[in-house]
Amino acid sequence: MPIEGTRSALVPPTGGQSVQLCTITLLVGPYCSALDVQERRFTPSPLAGEGWDGGEKRGGGEPLEPWQHSVCRTLLLVWLLGVPLVALRPAVAQVPHGTGEVTVDDLVARALADNPDLQATQAEAEVRMKAGELLAAQRNLGFTEELLQVNRDALGLLRTRASQGAAPPLEENLLRVEVNRLEASRHRLASQVEVLALQLKTLVGLGPEAPLALQGDLHPAPVRLELSEGLRQALAARSDLLVARAEVTMAEAMIQKEKAEGRWDASVNVGYMRQDFGYDLRGLTASGSAQPIQDVFHYVGAGVSITLPVRNQNQGNIAAALASASAAQRRLALVTLTIRQEVTAAFAQYEAAQRALDIYTHGVREVARQNLEVVRQTYTLGRATLLDVIAEQRRYIDIETGYTEALKQVYDTVVDIERAVGTLER
């Protein structure tokens, strides 16, 4: 309980110089019992104080007023029972703020280094999601540019054949329309890549003018974690679950605190004051000599105060603490249920996306490429029309776009698993 520095209740006479040592209050009771260590954790810090009070002096023909000067010092004595709390700052990788060719891991490290107060898992997930969007847009732009170059070369050959009368002008116009359509798609995808790059720079703390060339692809490493192990790690490491558990512990501690404050208590008050009192005048003694009108007074006081909680046993605060603990436990149950749902859903989406990607990889994409080559060769031999080639090429573009989307879904589900589990070993 506190040793508290307060001003003494003894009032000095009107007018005069006084030097006052603050009253020291010592509270004793069940909190200081060596048999009850749990309650001693609620004991506040002791305080000790010392002061010197005074005012103004005047002389001459003015009315006499007391003079005094004041100085006050307070000493705070603190003891802690239990383990002290230490604020720790998470260590993050310090990466140089260079620009140019970087990988997704480099961007994640930079984001965490520039924003150490962010939750690591949440910051990493946001950067990886935006980097996945940029990689998907770059892939779509890449195969569109390849098709555009192939069609430009074909248009040059067809223009030469049409000028020599070996091909009808209609085919040249049809192929020119297809080249222009691919050119428009290229510009649209290029602008999308630029916008996503700017958004990614904002996430990692780069300026809009800084160059950024993101390296890598959308093929994430396979997840080697099982659903049961993912649930175990999430229930052990998720920060929101740790916060909910800490709130439950704090609410239970508040119950103990309120119960302890509703018990009997006692305080012992000991006070001492030394008063140097006088005026700026001189008086005559019995022998006729002059001396200052001044004297020193000593005041000592003591008292004992006992608090007996007869009617008020802190019932209201105890009931409020019990309600807070019940609410904290329900929030903990909600967070636990939400984490289980998020982890299970993330693994289910990953399995579905992985199956779709396998179908695109082995049964769709390669066959579509072969079909396009066959139709082109058939057109070269004169057994198919240019419209057949254009139709098959557009079908191939749709398949490649779908393949990119399948890669992006697998990439996103892996990030979702990382975010749901909190820590993920691959």
Protein backbone atom coordinates (compact mmCIF):
# COMPACT_ATOMS: atom_id res chain seq x y z
CA MET A 1 0.00 0.00 0.00
CA PRO A 2 1.21 3.53 -0.59
CA ILE A 3 3.51 5.57 1.57
CA GLU A 4 1.99 8.81 0.45
CA GLY A 5 3.41 12.33 0.70
CA THR A 6 0.67 14.82 1.62
CA ARG A 7 0.38 18.25 3.24
CA SER A 8 -0.06 18.16 6.99
CA ALA A 9 -3.50 18.86 8.38
CA LEU A 10 -1.95 21.12 11.08
CA VAL A 11 -2.48 24.76 10.14
CA PRO A 12 0.23 27.24 11.13
CA PRO A 13 -0.72 30.51 12.81
CA THR A 14 -1.67 33.40 10.57
CA GLY A 15 1.45 35.08 9.31
CA GLY A 16 4.89 33.74 9.72
CA GLN A 17 7.68 31.69 8.19
CA SER A 18 7.19 27.96 8.23
CA VAL A 19 9.18 24.98 7.12
CA GLN A 20 6.88 21.94 6.82
CA LEU A 21 7.86 18.34 6.31
CA CYS A 22 5.05 16.50 4.53
CA THR A 23 3.05 13.96 6.46
CA ILE A 24 3.99 10.35 5.74
CA THR A 25 1.08 7.94 5.57
CA LEU A 26 1.72 4.25 5.99
CA LEU A 27 -1.12 1.88 5.11
CA VAL A 28 -1.06 -1.66 6.43
CA GLY A 29 -3.55 -4.45 6.18
CA PRO A 30 -4.13 -7.75 4.44
CA TYR A 31 -2.32 -6.55 1.31
CA CYS A 32 0.95 -6.55 3.24
CA SER A 33 0.47 -10.01 4.64
CA ALA A 34 3.26 -12.39 3.74
CA LEU A 35 0.71 -15.20 3.61
CA ASP A 36 -1.22 -13.67 0.72
CA VAL A 37 1.20 -13.14 -2.17
CA GLN A 38 -1.61 -12.90 -4.73
CA GLU A 39 -3.09 -9.81 -3.10
CA ARG A 40 0.30 -8.14 -2.80
CA ARG A 41 0.41 -7.92 -6.59
CA PHE A 42 -2.33 -5.30 -6.37
CA THR A 43 -0.35 -3.15 -3.94
CA PRO A 44 0.30 0.36 -5.36
CA SER A 45 3.70 2.00 -5.26
CA PRO A 46 4.79 3.85 -2.09
CA LEU A 47 5.29 7.62 -2.08
CA ALA A 48 7.39 9.81 0.21
CA GLY A 49 7.49 13.61 0.08
CA GLU A 50 9.17 16.63 1.62
CA GLY A 51 8.13 20.29 1.33
CA TRP A 52 8.92 23.83 2.53
CA ASP A 53 6.11 26.37 2.30
CA GLY A 54 6.24 30.13 2.65
CA GLY A 55 5.10 33.41 1.13
CA GLU A 56 6.04 37.11 1.04
CA LYS A 57 7.66 39.60 3.41
CA ARG A 58 7.18 43.32 3.57
CA GLY A 59 8.62 46.03 5.79
CA GLY A 60 8.61 49.74 6.29
CA GLY A 61 5.29 51.52 6.61
CA GLU A 62 3.32 48.82 4.81
CA PRO A 63 1.04 46.49 6.76
CA LEU A 64 2.86 43.58 8.29
CA GLU A 65 2.35 40.34 6.42
CA PRO A 66 3.92 36.95 6.92
CA TRP A 67 6.88 36.03 4.75
CA GLN A 68 7.76 32.57 3.67
CA HIS A 69 9.50 30.69 0.88
CA SER A 70 8.50 27.28 -0.45
CA VAL A 71 10.39 24.34 -1.87
CA CYS A 72 8.80 20.94 -2.48
CA ARG A 73 10.47 17.65 -3.37
CA THR A 74 8.76 14.34 -3.90
CA LEU A 75 10.46 10.99 -3.88
CA LEU A 76 8.74 8.03 -5.53
CA LEU A 77 9.70 4.64 -4.19
CA VAL A 78 8.54 1.73 -6.31
CA TRP A 79 8.77 -1.97 -5.78
CA LEU A 80 7.39 -4.68 -8.06
CA LEU A 81 6.18 -8.10 -7.03
CA GLY A 82 6.37 -10.52 -9.93
CA VAL A 83 7.95 -10.37 -13.37
CA PRO A 84 8.30 -6.85 -14.80
CA LEU A 85 6.73 -6.07 -18.13
CA VAL A 86 9.21 -5.20 -20.89
CA ALA A 87 8.09 -3.65 -24.16
CA LEU A 88 9.77 -5.56 -26.94
CA ARG A 89 9.93 -4.39 -30.51
CA PRO A 90 9.89 -7.15 -33.09
CA ALA A 91 13.11 -7.53 -35.00
CA VAL A 92 12.67 -7.02 -38.71
CA ALA A 93 15.03 -7.42 -41.60
CA GLN A 94 16.64 -4.15 -42.60
CA VAL A 95 16.90 -4.11 -46.36
CA PRO A 96 18.43 -1.34 -48.44
CA HIS A 97 16.09 1.07 -50.13
CA GLY A 98 17.47 0.31 -53.55
CA THR A 99 15.24 0.01 -56.60
CA GLY A 100 15.31 -2.04 -59.76
CA GLU A 101 14.87 -5.79 -60.14
CA VAL A 102 13.43 -7.32 -56.98
CA THR A 103 11.55 -10.44 -55.95
CA VAL A 104 8.39 -10.77 -53.91
CA ASP A 105 10.41 -11.74 -50.82
CA ASP A 106 12.50 -8.57 -51.19
CA LEU A 107 9.34 -6.44 -51.28
CA VAL A 108 7.94 -8.21 -48.21
CA ALA A 109 11.17 -7.62 -46.29
CA ARG A 110 11.14 -3.95 -47.25
CA ALA A 111 7.50 -3.50 -46.22
CA LEU A 112 8.17 -5.05 -42.81
CA ALA A 113 11.34 -2.98 -42.34
CA ASP A 114 9.62 0.32 -43.17
CA ASN A 115 6.52 -0.51 -41.10
CA PRO A 116 7.71 -2.35 -37.97
CA ASP A 117 4.49 -1.63 -36.07
CA LEU A 118 2.30 -3.49 -38.53
CA GLN A 119 1.34 -7.08 -37.89
CA ALA A 120 3.88 -9.12 -39.82
CA THR A 121 1.43 -11.66 -41.23
CA GLN A 122 -1.08 -9.03 -42.37
CA ALA A 123 1.58 -6.83 -44.00
CA GLU A 124 3.17 -9.80 -45.78
CA ALA A 125 -0.21 -11.01 -47.05
CA GLU A 126 -1.10 -7.58 -48.49
CA VAL A 127 2.24 -7.29 -50.30
CA ARG A 128 2.07 -10.83 -51.67
CA MET A 129 -1.53 -10.35 -52.87
CA LYS A 130 -0.65 -7.18 -54.74
CA ALA A 131 2.52 -8.75 -56.13
CA GLY A 132 0.43 -11.69 -57.38
CA GLU A 133 -1.88 -9.30 -59.23
CA LEU A 134 1.13 -7.63 -60.83
CA LEU A 135 2.70 -10.96 -61.84
CA ALA A 136 -0.60 -12.10 -63.39
CA ALA A 137 -0.90 -8.87 -65.38
CA GLN A 138 2.72 -9.19 -66.52
CA ARG A 139 2.08 -12.75 -67.73
CA ASN A 140 -1.01 -11.72 -69.71
CA LEU A 141 0.96 -8.84 -71.21
CA GLY A 142 3.82 -11.18 -72.11
CA PHE A 143 1.86 -13.74 -74.14
CA THR A 144 -0.22 -10.95 -75.74
CA GLU A 145 2.97 -9.32 -76.98
CA GLU A 146 4.18 -12.68 -78.34
CA LEU A 147 0.94 -13.20 -80.28
CA LEU A 148 1.05 -9.61 -81.49
CA GLN A 149 4.55 -10.09 -82.88
CA VAL A 150 3.54 -13.35 -84.64
CA ASN A 151 0.49 -11.67 -86.19
CA ARG A 152 2.55 -8.66 -87.28
CA ASP A 153 4.98 -10.96 -89.08
CA ALA A 154 2.06 -12.81 -90.70
CA LEU A 155 0.48 -9.49 -91.74
CA GLY A 156 3.74 -8.45 -93.44
CA LEU A 157 3.84 -11.69 -95.43
CA LEU A 158 0.16 -11.47 -96.28
CA ARG A 159 0.52 -7.88 -97.41
CA THR A 160 3.31 -8.95 -99.79
CA ARG A 161 1.19 -11.82 -101.16
CA ALA A 162 -1.84 -9.54 -101.58
CA SER A 163 0.25 -6.97 -103.47
CA GLN A 164 1.37 -9.75 -105.82
CA GLY A 165 -2.17 -11.06 -106.27
CA ALA A 166 -1.46 -14.35 -104.46
CA ALA A 167 -3.93 -13.60 -101.66
CA PRO A 168 -7.21 -11.70 -101.59
CA PRO A 169 -7.16 -8.19 -100.00
CA LEU A 170 -9.96 -9.28 -97.63
CA GLU A 171 -7.60 -11.60 -95.79
CA GLU A 172 -5.13 -8.74 -95.34
CA ASN A 173 -7.90 -6.58 -93.85
CA LEU A 174 -9.06 -9.38 -91.55
CA LEU A 175 -5.56 -9.93 -90.23
CA ARG A 176 -5.00 -6.18 -89.84
CA VAL A 177 -8.14 -5.99 -87.66
CA GLU A 178 -6.80 -8.84 -85.52
CA VAL A 179 -3.41 -7.11 -85.18
CA ASN A 180 -5.08 -3.85 -84.14
CA ARG A 181 -7.23 -5.71 -81.62
CA LEU A 182 -4.14 -7.31 -80.09
CA GLU A 183 -2.41 -3.92 -80.07
CA ALA A 184 -5.33 -2.42 -78.12
CA SER A 185 -5.22 -5.33 -75.67
CA ARG A 186 -1.49 -4.81 -75.22
CA HIS A 187 -1.95 -1.13 -74.34
CA ARG A 188 -4.72 -1.99 -71.88
CA LEU A 189 -2.63 -4.65 -70.18
CA ALA A 190 0.42 -2.37 -70.10
CA SER A 191 -1.57 0.33 -68.31
CA GLN A 192 -2.87 -2.28 -65.87
CA VAL A 193 0.69 -3.40 -65.13
CA GLU A 194 1.73 0.21 -64.53
CA VAL A 195 -1.18 0.87 -62.14
CA LEU A 196 -0.52 -2.31 -60.16
CA ALA A 197 3.18 -1.44 -59.95
CA LEU A 198 2.29 1.97 -58.49
CA GLN A 199 0.00 0.35 -55.92
CA LEU A 200 2.73 -2.11 -54.97
CA LYS A 201 5.25 0.73 -54.58
CA THR A 202 2.84 2.44 -52.19
CA LEU A 203 2.60 -0.71 -50.05
CA VAL A 204 6.39 -1.05 -49.72
CA GLY A 205 7.10 2.67 -49.31
CA LEU A 206 8.60 3.50 -52.71
CA GLY A 207 7.90 6.71 -54.57
CA PRO A 208 5.96 6.71 -57.86
CA GLU A 209 9.09 7.67 -59.80
CA ALA A 210 11.20 4.78 -58.45
CA PRO A 211 11.79 2.00 -61.00
CA LEU A 212 10.42 -1.41 -60.07
CA ALA A 213 10.92 -4.61 -62.06
CA LEU A 214 9.24 -7.48 -60.25
CA GLN A 215 10.88 -10.84 -60.94
CA GLY A 216 9.34 -14.28 -60.47
CA ASP A 217 6.21 -16.07 -61.58
CA LEU A 218 2.85 -17.20 -60.25
CA HIS A 219 3.96 -20.76 -59.49
CA PRO A 220 4.08 -20.92 -55.67
CA ALA A 221 5.79 -23.75 -53.85
CA PRO A 222 3.36 -26.53 -52.95
CA VAL A 223 1.87 -26.44 -49.47
CA ARG A 224 3.22 -29.37 -47.49
CA LEU A 225 1.12 -28.62 -44.44
CA GLU A 226 -1.89 -30.74 -43.57
CA LEU A 227 -5.18 -29.26 -42.39
CA SER A 228 -4.78 -30.63 -38.85
CA GLU A 229 -1.29 -29.19 -38.51
CA GLY A 230 -2.48 -25.86 -39.91
CA LEU A 231 -5.26 -25.70 -37.32
CA ARG A 232 -2.79 -26.52 -34.56
CA GLN A 233 -0.40 -23.77 -35.64
CA ALA A 234 -3.19 -21.23 -36.06
CA LEU A 235 -4.60 -21.94 -32.60
CA ALA A 236 -1.11 -21.56 -31.15
CA ALA A 237 0.27 -18.55 -33.03
CA ARG A 238 -2.55 -16.33 -34.33
CA SER A 239 -2.16 -12.85 -32.86
CA ASP A 240 -5.90 -12.17 -32.57
CA LEU A 241 -6.32 -15.39 -30.58
CA LEU A 242 -3.41 -14.45 -28.31
CA VAL A 243 -5.03 -11.06 -27.71
CA ALA A 244 -8.36 -12.71 -26.85
CA ARG A 245 -6.63 -15.04 -24.39
CA ALA A 246 -4.82 -12.10 -22.81
CA GLU A 247 -8.14 -10.28 -22.39
CA VAL A 248 -9.58 -13.30 -20.58
CA THR A 249 -6.56 -13.43 -18.26
CA MET A 250 -6.82 -9.71 -17.59
CA ALA A 251 -10.54 -9.98 -16.84
CA GLU A 252 -9.91 -12.80 -14.35
CA ALA A 253 -7.20 -10.70 -12.71
CA MET A 254 -9.65 -7.80 -12.40
CA ILE A 255 -12.04 -10.09 -10.50
CA GLN A 256 -9.29 -10.91 -7.98
CA LYS A 257 -8.41 -7.23 -7.70
CA GLU A 258 -11.98 -6.13 -7.00
CA LYS A 259 -12.45 -8.91 -4.44
CA ALA A 260 -9.25 -7.87 -2.69
CA GLU A 261 -10.38 -4.24 -2.53
CA GLY A 262 -13.64 -5.29 -0.85
CA ARG A 263 -11.89 -6.64 2.27
CA TRP A 264 -10.89 -4.84 5.48
CA ASP A 265 -7.95 -2.45 5.46
CA ALA A 266 -6.02 -0.34 7.95
CA SER A 267 -3.80 2.73 7.72
CA VAL A 268 -1.32 4.28 10.14
CA ASN A 269 -0.71 8.03 9.80
CA VAL A 270 2.45 9.62 11.23
CA GLY A 271 3.12 13.32 10.71
CA TYR A 272 5.78 15.80 11.77
CA MET A 273 6.05 19.54 11.08
CA ARG A 274 8.76 22.01 12.06
CA GLN A 275 7.60 25.64 11.90
CA ASP A 276 10.02 28.56 11.99
CA PHE A 277 7.62 31.48 12.65
CA GLY A 278 8.39 35.20 12.89
CA TYR A 279 8.04 38.82 11.66
CA ASP A 280 10.50 41.27 10.15
CA LEU A 281 10.56 43.28 13.42
CA ARG A 282 12.62 43.37 16.59
CA GLY A 283 11.29 43.39 20.15
CA LEU A 284 12.72 44.21 23.59
CA THR A 285 13.60 41.56 26.07
CA ALA A 286 13.30 41.84 29.87
CA SER A 287 16.84 43.14 30.01
CA GLY A 288 16.06 45.81 27.38
CA SER A 289 18.04 44.28 24.50
CA ALA A 290 16.53 43.97 20.99
CA GLN A 291 16.06 40.65 19.28
CA PRO A 292 13.96 39.34 16.31
CA ILE A 293 10.40 38.30 16.92
CA GLN A 294 10.82 34.63 15.96
CA ASP A 295 10.46 31.13 17.36
CA VAL A 296 10.50 27.50 16.23
CA PHE A 297 7.53 25.17 16.79
CA HIS A 298 7.48 21.40 16.44
CA TYR A 299 4.30 19.48 15.67
CA VAL A 300 3.98 15.70 15.84
CA GLY A 301 0.84 13.75 14.96
CA ALA A 302 -0.14 10.11 14.63
CA GLY A 303 -3.30 8.15 13.94
CA VAL A 304 -4.74 4.80 12.97
CA SER A 305 -7.63 4.32 10.52
CA ILE A 306 -9.37 0.95 9.99
CA THR A 307 -11.77 0.32 7.09
CA LEU A 308 -14.47 -2.26 7.82
CA PRO A 309 -16.51 -3.16 4.71
CA VAL A 310 -19.82 -3.81 6.46
CA ARG A 311 -22.29 -2.56 3.85
CA ASN A 312 -20.04 -1.83 0.88
CA GLN A 313 -17.97 -4.88 0.03
CA ASN A 314 -17.26 -3.70 -3.54
CA GLN A 315 -20.12 -5.86 -4.84
CA GLY A 316 -20.81 -3.62 -7.83
CA ASN A 317 -17.27 -3.67 -9.15
CA ILE A 318 -17.02 -7.41 -8.54
CA ALA A 319 -20.21 -8.00 -10.55
CA ALA A 320 -18.91 -5.77 -13.35
CA ALA A 321 -15.60 -7.66 -13.39
CA LEU A 322 -17.45 -10.99 -13.57
CA ALA A 323 -19.50 -9.71 -16.52
CA SER A 324 -16.34 -8.50 -18.27
CA ALA A 325 -14.73 -11.90 -17.77
CA SER A 326 -17.77 -13.66 -19.22
CA ALA A 327 -17.72 -11.35 -22.25
CA ALA A 328 -13.99 -11.94 -22.75
CA GLN A 329 -14.51 -15.71 -22.67
CA ARG A 330 -17.27 -15.46 -25.26
CA ARG A 331 -15.06 -13.32 -27.49
CA LEU A 332 -12.33 -15.94 -27.15
CA ALA A 333 -14.76 -18.65 -28.22
CA LEU A 334 -15.82 -16.54 -31.22
CA VAL A 335 -12.23 -15.90 -32.30
CA THR A 336 -11.40 -19.60 -31.97
CA LEU A 337 -14.40 -20.59 -34.09
CA THR A 338 -13.56 -17.93 -36.70
CA ILE A 339 -9.96 -19.14 -36.97
CA ARG A 340 -11.07 -22.73 -37.48
CA GLN A 341 -13.45 -21.62 -40.23
CA GLU A 342 -10.83 -19.47 -41.96
CA VAL A 343 -8.16 -22.19 -41.94
CA THR A 344 -10.56 -24.89 -43.15
CA ALA A 345 -11.91 -22.65 -45.93
CA ALA A 346 -8.38 -21.65 -47.03
CA PHE A 347 -7.27 -25.28 -47.37
CA ALA A 348 -10.48 -26.22 -49.22
CA GLN A 349 -10.01 -23.36 -51.71
CA TYR A 350 -6.36 -24.31 -52.19
CA GLU A 351 -7.24 -27.92 -53.05
CA ALA A 352 -9.95 -26.85 -55.52
CA ALA A 353 -7.67 -24.27 -57.17
CA GLN A 354 -4.83 -26.77 -57.40
CA ARG A 355 -7.07 -29.31 -59.14
CA ALA A 356 -8.23 -26.69 -61.64
CA LEU A 357 -4.63 -25.71 -62.33
CA ASP A 358 -3.64 -29.33 -62.93
CA ILE A 359 -6.44 -29.67 -65.50
CA TYR A 360 -5.31 -26.50 -67.29
CA THR A 361 -1.69 -27.64 -67.23
CA HIS A 362 -2.08 -31.20 -68.50
CA GLY A 363 -5.38 -31.25 -70.41
CA VAL A 364 -6.10 -27.78 -71.78
CA ARG A 365 -3.19 -25.44 -72.33
CA GLU A 366 -0.81 -27.71 -74.22
CA VAL A 367 -3.59 -29.14 -76.37
CA ALA A 368 -4.77 -25.61 -77.25
CA ARG A 369 -1.27 -24.65 -78.34
CA GLN A 370 -1.00 -27.71 -80.54
CA ASN A 371 -4.41 -27.00 -82.06
CA LEU A 372 -3.34 -23.47 -82.95
CA GLU A 373 -0.18 -24.73 -84.65
CA VAL A 374 -2.16 -27.33 -86.63
CA VAL A 375 -4.69 -24.74 -87.85
CA ARG A 376 -1.86 -22.41 -88.89
CA GLN A 377 -0.15 -25.18 -90.84
CA THR A 378 -3.45 -26.12 -92.42
CA TYR A 379 -3.97 -22.50 -93.47
CA THR A 380 -0.44 -22.44 -94.94
CA LEU A 381 -1.30 -25.51 -97.02
CA GLY A 382 -4.51 -23.87 -98.20
CA ARG A 383 -6.85 -26.29 -96.43
CA ALA A 384 -8.27 -23.69 -93.97
CA THR A 385 -9.28 -20.05 -94.08
CA LEU A 386 -7.82 -17.11 -92.21
CA LEU A 387 -11.01 -16.88 -90.17
CA ASP A 388 -10.31 -20.37 -88.84
CA VAL A 389 -6.85 -19.26 -87.74
CA ILE A 390 -8.22 -16.09 -86.07
CA ALA A 391 -10.96 -18.04 -84.27
CA GLU A 392 -8.49 -20.63 -82.98
CA GLN A 393 -6.09 -17.90 -81.90
CA ARG A 394 -8.80 -16.11 -79.91
CA ARG A 395 -9.69 -19.43 -78.29
CA TYR A 396 -6.05 -19.87 -77.37
CA ILE A 397 -5.96 -16.36 -75.86
CA ASP A 398 -8.99 -17.20 -73.73
CA ILE A 399 -7.33 -20.41 -72.57
CA GLU A 400 -4.09 -18.62 -71.68
CA THR A 401 -6.07 -15.97 -69.79
CA GLY A 402 -7.91 -18.72 -67.92
CA TYR A 403 -4.61 -20.41 -67.14
CA THR A 404 -3.30 -17.15 -65.69
CA GLU A 405 -6.43 -16.87 -63.58
CA ALA A 406 -5.95 -20.45 -62.34
CA LEU A 407 -2.35 -19.67 -61.38
CA LYS A 408 -3.52 -16.52 -59.60
CA GLN A 409 -6.15 -18.47 -57.65
CA VAL A 410 -3.57 -20.98 -56.42
CA TYR A 411 -1.22 -18.12 -55.53
CA ASP A 412 -3.99 -16.31 -53.62
CA THR A 413 -5.06 -19.42 -51.73
CA VAL A 414 -1.49 -20.02 -50.58
CA VAL A 415 -1.40 -16.44 -49.25
CA ASP A 416 -4.79 -17.02 -47.61
CA ILE A 417 -3.39 -20.09 -45.86
CA GLU A 418 -0.42 -18.04 -44.66
CA ARG A 419 -2.75 -15.37 -43.34
CA ALA A 420 -5.13 -17.88 -41.72
CA VAL A 421 -2.44 -20.02 -40.11
CA GLY A 422 -0.20 -17.14 -39.12
CA THR A 423 3.03 -19.09 -39.71
CA LEU A 424 3.42 -21.57 -42.53
CA GLU A 425 6.25 -23.93 -43.37
CA ARG A 426 6.56 -24.81 -47.05
